[in-house]
């Protein structure tokens, strides 16, 4: 039985700055392109700590970038939670037996 996806979004875990929801005449800043491009890499842990921190600071300060990040973070959690296949016990047993009969190097 699969459990429902979590209802809390990552934005609820961050404290937005007081002016985060203030209208911005130019909502996308120059660093937005980079942050939006790196969202996938950030979520999959494929970037270094310095870059991760730089993007996290930007997401905390930029509501237009935080929204897609929150969406993809939630989507990733749902997929990870619901897409957990388990091999049938008989298959696992046959693999174990086959490995026992393999010559060890």
Protein backbone atom coordinates (compact mmCIF):
# COMPACT_ATOMS: atom_id res chain seq x y z
CA UNK A 1 0.00 0.00 0.00
CA UNK A 2 1.40 3.38 -0.93
CA UNK A 3 1.16 6.32 1.39
CA UNK A 4 0.05 9.74 0.19
CA UNK A 5 2.62 12.31 -0.80
CA UNK A 6 3.63 14.76 1.92
CA UNK A 7 1.56 17.90 2.02
CA UNK A 8 4.23 20.29 3.32
CA UNK A 9 6.17 21.97 0.57
CA UNK A 10 9.82 23.00 0.89
CA UNK A 11 8.74 26.65 0.90
CA UNK A 12 6.90 25.99 4.15
CA UNK A 13 10.20 24.86 5.63
CA UNK A 14 11.94 28.11 4.67
CA UNK A 15 11.19 31.44 6.27
CA UNK A 16 10.63 33.91 3.45
CA UNK A 17 12.13 37.37 3.85
CA UNK A 18 9.55 40.05 4.74
CA UNK A 19 9.49 41.48 1.22
CA UNK A 20 9.46 38.13 -0.61
CA UNK A 21 5.88 38.56 -1.75
CA UNK A 22 6.20 42.26 -2.58
CA UNK A 23 5.54 43.02 -6.25
CA UNK A 24 8.76 43.28 -8.21
CA UNK A 25 8.73 45.19 -11.50
CA UNK A 26 11.53 42.94 -12.79
CA UNK A 27 10.84 39.60 -11.05
CA UNK A 28 13.63 37.65 -12.76
CA UNK A 29 17.07 38.78 -11.71
CA UNK A 30 20.22 37.88 -13.65
CA UNK A 31 20.99 35.02 -11.25
CA UNK A 32 17.48 33.56 -11.79
CA UNK A 33 18.47 31.90 -15.07
CA UNK A 34 21.29 30.06 -13.35
CA UNK A 35 19.20 29.11 -10.31
CA UNK A 36 16.34 27.81 -12.44
CA UNK A 37 18.77 25.85 -14.62
CA UNK A 38 20.39 24.28 -11.54
CA UNK A 39 17.15 23.22 -9.76
CA UNK A 40 17.36 19.64 -11.07
CA UNK A 41 21.02 19.35 -10.08
CA UNK A 42 20.28 20.85 -6.67
CA UNK A 43 17.48 18.37 -5.98
CA UNK A 44 19.52 15.39 -7.15
CA UNK A 45 22.57 16.41 -5.10
CA UNK A 46 24.80 16.79 -8.15
CA UNK A 47 26.32 20.15 -7.22
CA UNK A 48 28.98 21.09 -4.68
CA UNK A 49 28.25 22.62 -1.29
CA UNK A 50 29.29 26.16 -2.28
CA UNK A 51 26.99 26.19 -5.32
CA UNK A 52 24.18 24.59 -3.27
CA UNK A 53 24.48 27.35 -0.66
CA UNK A 54 24.53 30.06 -3.35
CA UNK A 55 21.34 28.71 -4.93
CA UNK A 56 19.65 28.21 -1.54
CA UNK A 57 20.28 31.86 -0.65
CA UNK A 58 18.83 32.92 -4.00
CA UNK A 59 15.75 30.71 -3.53
CA UNK A 60 15.18 32.17 -0.06
CA UNK A 61 15.21 35.68 -1.53
CA UNK A 62 13.42 35.09 -4.84
CA UNK A 63 9.79 33.94 -4.79
CA UNK A 64 9.59 33.47 -8.60
CA UNK A 65 12.44 30.93 -8.41
CA UNK A 66 11.29 29.29 -5.17
CA UNK A 67 7.94 28.31 -6.71
CA UNK A 68 9.32 25.96 -9.41
CA UNK A 69 11.86 24.60 -6.92
CA UNK A 70 9.04 23.74 -4.51
CA UNK A 71 7.05 22.08 -7.30
CA UNK A 72 9.94 19.89 -8.46
CA UNK A 73 10.98 19.04 -4.89
CA UNK A 74 7.42 17.89 -4.13
CA UNK A 75 7.21 15.97 -7.43
CA UNK A 76 10.51 14.25 -6.68
CA UNK A 77 9.32 13.25 -3.19
CA UNK A 78 6.07 11.85 -4.58
CA UNK A 79 7.84 9.82 -7.26
CA UNK A 80 10.37 8.46 -4.77
CA UNK A 81 7.63 7.57 -2.34
CA UNK A 82 5.30 5.88 -4.81
CA UNK A 83 7.78 4.19 -7.13
CA UNK A 84 9.26 1.60 -4.83
CA UNK A 85 9.24 -1.74 -6.52
CA UNK A 86 10.20 -4.85 -4.62
CA UNK A 87 11.47 -8.00 -6.21
CA UNK A 88 9.40 -11.12 -5.51
CA UNK A 89 10.88 -13.20 -2.66
CA UNK A 90 11.46 -16.16 -5.01
CA UNK A 91 13.57 -14.03 -7.32
CA UNK A 92 15.66 -12.73 -4.44
CA UNK A 93 16.22 -16.29 -3.25
CA UNK A 94 17.31 -17.45 -6.73
CA UNK A 95 19.72 -14.51 -7.03
CA UNK A 96 21.18 -15.32 -3.60
CA UNK A 97 21.67 -18.96 -4.59
CA UNK A 98 23.28 -17.99 -7.89
CA UNK A 99 25.68 -15.67 -6.08
CA UNK A 100 26.63 -18.43 -3.66
CA UNK A 101 27.63 -20.65 -6.58
CA UNK A 102 29.67 -17.92 -8.30
CA UNK A 103 33.42 -18.40 -8.07
CA UNK A 104 34.95 -15.69 -5.87
CA UNK A 105 37.79 -13.70 -7.36
